[in-house]
C-alpha atoms as a PDB file:
ATOM      1  CA  UNK A   1      72.591  99.963 122.128  1.00  0.00           C
ATOM      2  CA  UNK A   2      71.485  96.467 123.198  1.00  0.00           C
ATOM      3  CA  UNK A   3      67.823  95.588 123.639  1.00  0.00           C
ATOM      4  CA  UNK A   4      66.880  92.578 125.820  1.00  0.00           C
ATOM      5  CA  UNK A   5      64.024  91.292 127.958  1.00  0.00           C
ATOM      6  CA  UNK A   6      65.712  90.747 131.377  1.00  0.00           C
ATOM      7  CA  UNK A   7      62.670  89.093 132.992  1.00  0.00           C
ATOM      8  CA  UNK A   8      63.120  86.071 130.706  1.00  0.00           C
ATOM      9  CA  UNK A   9      66.762  85.706 131.721  1.00  0.00           C
ATOM     10  CA  UNK A  10      65.895  85.924 135.436  1.00  0.00           C
ATOM     11  CA  UNK A  11      63.202  83.236 135.177  1.00  0.00           C
ATOM     12  CA  UNK A  12      65.493  80.849 133.306  1.00  0.00           C
ATOM     13  CA  UNK A  13      68.357  81.360 135.779  1.00  0.00           C
ATOM     14  CA  UNK A  14      66.053  80.638 138.716  1.00  0.00           C
ATOM     15  CA  UNK A  15      64.919  77.457 136.968  1.00  0.00           C
ATOM     16  CA  UNK A  16      68.546  76.397 136.417  1.00  0.00           C
ATOM     17  CA  UNK A  17      69.395  76.956 140.100  1.00  0.00           C
ATOM     18  CA  UNK A  18      66.405  74.901 141.196  1.00  0.00           C
ATOM     19  CA  UNK A  19      67.452  72.017 138.960  1.00  0.00           C
ATOM     20  CA  UNK A  20      71.058  72.182 140.115  1.00  0.00           C
ATOM     21  CA  UNK A  21      70.600  72.593 143.835  1.00  0.00           C
ATOM     22  CA  UNK A  22      67.095  71.274 144.396  1.00  0.00           C
ATOM     23  CA  UNK A  23      68.254  67.877 145.662  1.00  0.00           C
ATOM     24  CA  UNK A  24      70.859  69.080 148.183  1.00  0.00           C
ATOM     25  CA  UNK A  25      68.504  69.317 151.172  1.00  0.00           C
ATOM     26  CA  UNK A  26      66.255  66.487 150.110  1.00  0.00           C
ATOM     27  CA  UNK A  27      66.253  63.503 152.481  1.00  0.00           C
ATOM     28  CA  UNK A  28      66.205  60.036 151.030  1.00  0.00           C
ATOM     29  CA  UNK A  29      62.956  58.220 151.518  1.00  0.00           C
ATOM     30  CA  UNK A  30      62.229  54.608 150.833  1.00  0.00           C
ATOM     31  CA  UNK A  31      59.044  54.731 148.838  1.00  0.00           C
ATOM     32  CA  UNK A  32      59.512  51.583 146.790  1.00  0.00           C
ATOM     33  CA  UNK A  33      61.317  48.289 147.188  1.00  0.00           C
ATOM     34  CA  UNK A  34      62.655  46.702 150.331  1.00  0.00           C
ATOM     35  CA  UNK A  35      65.358  47.753 152.739  1.00  0.00           C
ATOM     36  CA  UNK A  36      68.586  45.805 152.562  1.00  0.00           C
ATOM     37  CA  UNK A  37      70.751  45.327 155.627  1.00  0.00           C
ATOM     38  CA  UNK A  38      74.526  45.091 155.823  1.00  0.00           C
ATOM     39  CA  UNK A  39      75.285  47.039 152.591  1.00  0.00           C
ATOM     40  CA  UNK A  40      78.577  48.473 153.878  1.00  0.00           C
ATOM     41  CA  UNK A  41      80.520  45.553 152.465  1.00  0.00           C
ATOM     42  CA  UNK A  42      79.110  46.133 149.003  1.00  0.00           C
ATOM     43  CA  UNK A  43      79.972  49.831 149.155  1.00  0.00           C
ATOM     44  CA  UNK A  44      83.578  48.981 149.836  1.00  0.00           C
ATOM     45  CA  UNK A  45      84.015  46.853 146.706  1.00  0.00           C
ATOM     46  CA  UNK A  46      85.903  48.235 143.701  1.00  0.00           C
ATOM     47  CA  UNK A  47      83.063  47.418 141.366  1.00  0.00           C
ATOM     48  CA  UNK A  48      80.589  49.448 143.404  1.00  0.00           C
ATOM     49  CA  UNK A  49      82.987  52.371 143.725  1.00  0.00           C
ATOM     50  CA  UNK A  50      83.606  52.402 139.968  1.00  0.00           C
ATOM     51  CA  UNK A  51      79.890  52.404 139.242  1.00  0.00           C
ATOM     52  CA  UNK A  52      79.235  55.218 141.746  1.00  0.00           C
ATOM     53  CA  UNK A  53      82.100  57.255 140.273  1.00  0.00           C
ATOM     54  CA  UNK A  54      80.781  56.772 136.751  1.00  0.00           C
ATOM     55  CA  UNK A  55      77.276  57.692 137.943  1.00  0.00           C
ATOM     56  CA  UNK A  56      78.506  60.957 139.514  1.00  0.00           C
ATOM     57  CA  UNK A  57      80.492  61.901 136.431  1.00  0.00           C
ATOM     58  CA  UNK A  58      77.541  61.294 134.129  1.00  0.00           C
ATOM     59  CA  UNK A  59      75.178  63.091 136.510  1.00  0.00           C
ATOM     60  CA  UNK A  60      77.454  66.158 136.629  1.00  0.00           C
ATOM     61  CA  UNK A  61      77.789  66.145 132.843  1.00  0.00           C
ATOM     62  CA  UNK A  62      74.029  66.012 132.434  1.00  0.00           C
ATOM     63  CA  UNK A  63      73.579  68.858 134.932  1.00  0.00           C
ATOM     64  CA  UNK A  64      76.224  70.969 133.211  1.00  0.00           C
ATOM     65  CA  UNK A  65      74.676  70.326 129.813  1.00  0.00           C
ATOM     66  CA  UNK A  66      71.206  71.150 131.132  1.00  0.00           C
ATOM     67  CA  UNK A  67      72.358  74.399 132.735  1.00  0.00           C
ATOM     68  CA  UNK A  68      74.176  75.382 129.519  1.00  0.00           C
ATOM     69  CA  UNK A  69      71.042  74.716 127.476  1.00  0.00           C
ATOM     70  CA  UNK A  70      68.931  76.759 129.907  1.00  0.00           C
ATOM     71  CA  UNK A  71      71.360  79.693 129.800  1.00  0.00           C
ATOM     72  CA  UNK A  72      71.543  79.659 125.989  1.00  0.00           C
ATOM     73  CA  UNK A  73      67.768  79.318 125.735  1.00  0.00           C
ATOM     74  CA  UNK A  74      67.258  82.192 128.179  1.00  0.00           C
ATOM     75  CA  UNK A  75      69.472  84.422 126.037  1.00  0.00           C
ATOM     76  CA  UNK A  76      67.562  83.472 122.906  1.00  0.00           C
ATOM     77  CA  UNK A  77      64.221  84.047 124.613  1.00  0.00           C
ATOM     78  CA  UNK A  78      65.457  87.463 125.782  1.00  0.00           C
ATOM     79  CA  UNK A  79      65.920  88.328 122.089  1.00  0.00           C
ATOM     80  CA  UNK A  80      69.125  90.403 122.314  1.00  0.00           C
ATOM     81  CA  UNK A  81      69.321  92.970 119.552  1.00  0.00           C
ATOM     82  CA  UNK A  82      72.075  95.432 118.718  1.00  0.00           C
ATOM     83  CA  UNK A  83      70.810  98.699 117.266  1.00  0.00           C
ATOM     84  CA  UNK A  84      73.210 100.981 115.420  1.00  0.00           C
ATOM     85  CA  UNK A  85      72.464 104.238 113.684  1.00  0.00           C
ATOM     86  CA  UNK A  86      74.668 105.128 110.750  1.00  0.00           C
ATOM     87  CA  UNK A  87      74.555 108.174 108.585  1.00  0.00           C
ATOM     88  CA  UNK A  88      75.719 107.183 105.120  1.00  0.00           C
ATOM     89  CA  UNK A  89      74.409 110.157 103.196  1.00  0.00           C
ATOM     90  CA  UNK A  90      76.551 110.790 100.169  1.00  0.00           C
ATOM     91  CA  UNK A  91      76.109 113.878  98.101  1.00  0.00           C
ATOM     92  CA  UNK A  92      76.947 114.096  94.423  1.00  0.00           C
ATOM     93  CA  UNK A  93      75.824 117.619  93.833  1.00  0.00           C
ATOM     94  CA  UNK A  94      77.512 119.860  91.310  1.00  0.00           C
ATOM     95  CA  UNK A  95      77.555 123.510  92.318  1.00  0.00           C
ATOM     96  CA  UNK A  96      78.454 126.102  89.682  1.00  0.00           C
ATOM     97  CA  UNK A  97      78.850 129.577  91.125  1.00  0.00           C
ATOM     98  CA  UNK A  98      78.001 132.277  88.570  1.00  0.00           C
ATOM     99  CA  UNK A  99      79.219 135.814  89.348  1.00  0.00           C
ATOM    100  CA  UNK A 100      78.432 139.013  87.512  1.00  0.00           C
ATOM    101  CA  UNK A 101      81.731 140.825  88.065  1.00  0.00           C
ATOM    102  CA  UNK A 102      80.573 144.235  86.981  1.00  0.00           C
ATOM    103  CA  UNK A 103      82.190 146.778  89.303  1.00  0.00           C
ATOM    104  CA  UNK A 104      78.719 147.806  90.451  1.00  0.00           C
ATOM    105  CA  UNK A 105      78.341 144.325  91.968  1.00  0.00           C
ATOM    106  CA  UNK A 106      81.660 144.266  93.817  1.00  0.00           C
ATOM    107  CA  UNK A 107      80.178 144.584  97.330  1.00  0.00           C
ATOM    108  CA  UNK A 108      77.571 141.901  96.661  1.00  0.00           C
ATOM    109  CA  UNK A 109      80.136 139.524  95.153  1.00  0.00           C
ATOM    110  CA  UNK A 110      82.559 140.055  98.017  1.00  0.00           C
ATOM    111  CA  UNK A 111      79.902 139.189 100.598  1.00  0.00           C
ATOM    112  CA  UNK A 112      78.777 136.174  98.561  1.00  0.00           C
ATOM    113  CA  UNK A 113      82.326 134.810  98.234  1.00  0.00           C
ATOM    114  CA  UNK A 114      83.022 135.175 101.956  1.00  0.00           C
ATOM    115  CA  UNK A 115      79.818 133.340 102.856  1.00  0.00           C
ATOM    116  CA  UNK A 116      80.523 130.658 100.271  1.00  0.00           C
ATOM    117  CA  UNK A 117      83.995 130.027 101.710  1.00  0.00           C
ATOM    118  CA  UNK A 118      82.396 129.450 105.114  1.00  0.00           C
ATOM    119  CA  UNK A 119      80.075 126.688 103.880  1.00  0.00           C
ATOM    120  CA  UNK A 120      82.642 124.816 101.761  1.00  0.00           C
ATOM    121  CA  UNK A 121      83.822 122.629 104.708  1.00  0.00           C
ATOM    122  CA  UNK A 122      80.236 121.388 105.193  1.00  0.00           C
ATOM    123  CA  UNK A 123      79.678 120.245 101.589  1.00  0.00           C
ATOM    124  CA  UNK A 124      82.409 117.637 101.323  1.00  0.00           C
ATOM    125  CA  UNK A 125      81.854 115.313  98.377  1.00  0.00           C
ATOM    126  CA  UNK A 126      80.257 117.914  96.113  1.00  0.00           C
ATOM    127  CA  UNK A 127      81.977 119.394  93.078  1.00  0.00           C
ATOM    128  CA  UNK A 128      82.253 123.167  92.799  1.00  0.00           C
ATOM    129  CA  UNK A 129      82.960 125.377  89.811  1.00  0.00           C
ATOM    130  CA  UNK A 130      83.034 129.133  89.130  1.00  0.00           C
ATOM    131  CA  UNK A 131      81.855 131.018  86.037  1.00  0.00           C
ATOM    132  CA  UNK A 132      82.432 134.762  85.726  1.00  0.00           C
ATOM    133  CA  UNK A 133      80.576 136.974  83.304  1.00  0.00           C
ATOM    134  CA  UNK A 134      80.455 140.624  82.405  1.00  0.00           C
ATOM    135  CA  UNK A 135      80.141 141.222  78.702  1.00  0.00           C
ATOM    136  CA  UNK A 136      80.968 137.552  78.116  1.00  0.00           C
ATOM    137  CA  UNK A 137      80.986 134.467  80.379  1.00  0.00           C
ATOM    138  CA  UNK A 138      84.265 132.691  81.171  1.00  0.00           C
ATOM    139  CA  UNK A 139      84.969 129.508  83.127  1.00  0.00           C
ATOM    140  CA  UNK A 140      87.104 130.771  85.983  1.00  0.00           C
ATOM    141  CA  UNK A 141      87.336 127.407  87.807  1.00  0.00           C
ATOM    142  CA  UNK A 142      86.011 124.110  86.352  1.00  0.00           C
ATOM    143  CA  UNK A 143      83.979 121.685  88.453  1.00  0.00           C
ATOM    144  CA  UNK A 144      86.218 119.975  90.981  1.00  0.00           C
ATOM    145  CA  UNK A 145      86.150 118.509  94.488  1.00  0.00           C
ATOM    146  CA  UNK A 146      89.644 119.814  95.241  1.00  0.00           C
ATOM    147  CA  UNK A 147      88.577 122.399  97.819  1.00  0.00           C
ATOM    148  CA  UNK A 148      92.078 123.727  98.362  1.00  0.00           C
ATOM    149  CA  UNK A 149      92.211 124.516  94.652  1.00  0.00           C
ATOM    150  CA  UNK A 150      88.784 126.207  94.787  1.00  0.00           C
ATOM    151  CA  UNK A 151      89.739 128.288  97.829  1.00  0.00           C
ATOM    152  CA  UNK A 152      92.790 129.610  95.976  1.00  0.00           C
ATOM    153  CA  UNK A 153      90.515 130.989  93.250  1.00  0.00           C
ATOM    154  CA  UNK A 154      88.074 132.388  95.791  1.00  0.00           C
ATOM    155  CA  UNK A 155      90.931 134.059  97.681  1.00  0.00           C
ATOM    156  CA  UNK A 156      92.078 135.739  94.452  1.00  0.00           C
ATOM    157  CA  UNK A 157      88.536 136.917  93.735  1.00  0.00           C
ATOM    158  CA  UNK A 158      88.174 138.252  97.275  1.00  0.00           C
ATOM    159  CA  UNK A 159      91.488 140.069  97.029  1.00  0.00           C
ATOM    160  CA  UNK A 160      90.688 141.703  93.699  1.00  0.00           C
ATOM    161  CA  UNK A 161      87.153 142.663  94.697  1.00  0.00           C
ATOM    162  CA  UNK A 162      88.549 144.333  97.810  1.00  0.00           C
ATOM    163  CA  UNK A 163      90.955 146.343  95.635  1.00  0.00           C
ATOM    164  CA  UNK A 164      88.100 147.408  93.345  1.00  0.00           C
ATOM    165  CA  UNK A 165      85.987 148.537  96.301  1.00  0.00           C
ATOM    166  CA  UNK A 166      88.907 150.487  97.779  1.00  0.00           C
ATOM    167  CA  UNK A 167      89.244 152.253  94.420  1.00  0.00           C
ATOM    168  CA  UNK A 168      85.559 153.311  94.434  1.00  0.00           C
ATOM    169  CA  UNK A 169      84.477 150.343  92.292  1.00  0.00           C
ATOM    170  CA  UNK A 170      87.228 150.929  89.780  1.00  0.00           C
ATOM    171  CA  UNK A 171      89.259 147.878  88.768  1.00  0.00           C
ATOM    172  CA  UNK A 172      92.737 148.782  87.505  1.00  0.00           C
ATOM    173  CA  UNK A 173      94.164 146.569  84.736  1.00  0.00           C
ATOM    174  CA  UNK A 174      96.867 145.220  87.061  1.00  0.00           C
ATOM    175  CA  UNK A 175      97.957 145.444  90.668  1.00  0.00           C
ATOM    176  CA  UNK A 176     101.176 144.662  92.484  1.00  0.00           C
ATOM    177  CA  UNK A 177     101.450 141.475  94.530  1.00  0.00           C
ATOM    178  CA  UNK A 178     104.698 140.104  95.989  1.00  0.00           C
ATOM    179  CA  UNK A 179     106.683 142.428  93.730  1.00  0.00           C
ATOM    180  CA  UNK A 180     104.872 141.296  90.572  1.00  0.00           C
ATOM    181  CA  UNK A 181     102.154 142.818  88.430  1.00  0.00           C
ATOM    182  CA  UNK A 182      99.024 140.646  88.549  1.00  0.00           C
ATOM    183  CA  UNK A 183      96.215 141.172  85.963  1.00  0.00           C
ATOM    184  CA  UNK A 184      92.729 141.857  87.249  1.00  0.00           C
ATOM    185  CA  UNK A 185      90.017 139.387  86.276  1.00  0.00           C
ATOM    186  CA  UNK A 186      87.892 142.184  84.817  1.00  0.00           C
ATOM    187  CA  UNK A 187      90.271 142.488  81.863  1.00  0.00           C
ATOM    188  CA  UNK A 188      90.228 138.860  80.781  1.00  0.00           C
ATOM    189  CA  UNK A 189      87.731 137.209  78.467  1.00  0.00           C
ATOM    190  CA  UNK A 190      84.799 138.553  80.454  1.00  0.00           C
ATOM    191  CA  UNK A 191      85.351 142.034  79.036  1.00  0.00           C
ATOM    192  CA  UNK A 192      86.307 141.023  75.502  1.00  0.00           C
ATOM    193  CA  UNK A 193      84.739 143.158  72.795  1.00  0.00           C
ATOM    194  CA  UNK A 194      82.949 145.216  75.423  1.00  0.00           C
ATOM    195  CA  UNK A 195      82.369 148.053  72.991  1.00  0.00           C
ATOM    196  CA  UNK A 196      80.401 145.822  70.631  1.00  0.00           C
ATOM    197  CA  UNK A 197      78.680 143.689  73.267  1.00  0.00           C
ATOM    198  CA  UNK A 198      77.709 146.480  75.617  1.00  0.00           C
ATOM    199  CA  UNK A 199      77.508 146.377  79.393  1.00  0.00           C
ATOM    200  CA  UNK A 200      76.853 143.462  81.743  1.00  0.00           C
ATOM    201  CA  UNK A 201      74.290 141.050  80.315  1.00  0.00           C
ATOM    202  CA  UNK A 202      72.730 139.119  83.184  1.00  0.00           C
ATOM    203  CA  UNK A 203      70.470 137.022  80.969  1.00  0.00           C
ATOM    204  CA  UNK A 204      73.342 136.055  78.667  1.00  0.00           C
ATOM    205  CA  UNK A 205      75.548 135.274  81.654  1.00  0.00           C
ATOM    206  CA  UNK A 206      73.004 133.006  83.309  1.00  0.00           C
ATOM    207  CA  UNK A 207      72.233 131.230  80.029  1.00  0.00           C
ATOM    208  CA  UNK A 208      75.893 130.544  79.350  1.00  0.00           C
ATOM    209  CA  UNK A 209      76.325 129.473  82.954  1.00  0.00           C
ATOM    210  CA  UNK A 210      73.690 126.753  82.440  1.00  0.00           C
ATOM    211  CA  UNK A 211      75.369 125.636  79.217  1.00  0.00           C
ATOM    212  CA  UNK A 212      78.744 125.301  80.960  1.00  0.00           C
ATOM    213  CA  UNK A 213      77.064 123.422  83.790  1.00  0.00           C
ATOM    214  CA  UNK A 214      75.607 120.834  81.419  1.00  0.00           C
ATOM    215  CA  UNK A 215      78.916 120.368  79.597  1.00  0.00           C
ATOM    216  CA  UNK A 216      80.904 119.858  82.791  1.00  0.00           C
ATOM    217  CA  UNK A 217      78.415 117.380  84.288  1.00  0.00           C
ATOM    218  CA  UNK A 218      78.646 115.153  81.217  1.00  0.00           C
ATOM    219  CA  UNK A 219      82.416 114.837  81.547  1.00  0.00           C
END
């Protein structure tokens, strides 16, 4: 967007036109000196013609220079300004998603993952990681800004949570996918030593989540 004061330009242009064309309709008047008769002979001499030609050239140069100065001055007086608005916000946030993958939380986790996948396109530039915990916390996906990589992990989580919900919140050890047996995430490190550690420990999971977050940020 350009900001100018047009009234200044108009005034300067009018002034330039007056200087340039002000003498066209002006009649010559003898206010000083004496009239000289029989000057036609002088006007026909080469010397006189050369002087008149030089005078016209210099006069036109002076007029052109004056008009150029007036135009440039009018632009400067108008104070032209170009205004641009740029949004250069850059985010360096680190987002670590902690999920309690107890089967009792399957519906909540599934809804959370679906919502999270929707907002990923709007947080470009941020790093995202995933920590799962049940009886023990495990880094499921380290902090990264490779969103295609993150979405692959979220798709797997969504798929396995859907299976657990369809089985009345029961997660089988494995399930078949593309003709292969794929292990469920519930039977990885998150459920190690479950007999000794007990059931889902939210406090322990959140504490370990913060520890992982600090370690990853310092890398």
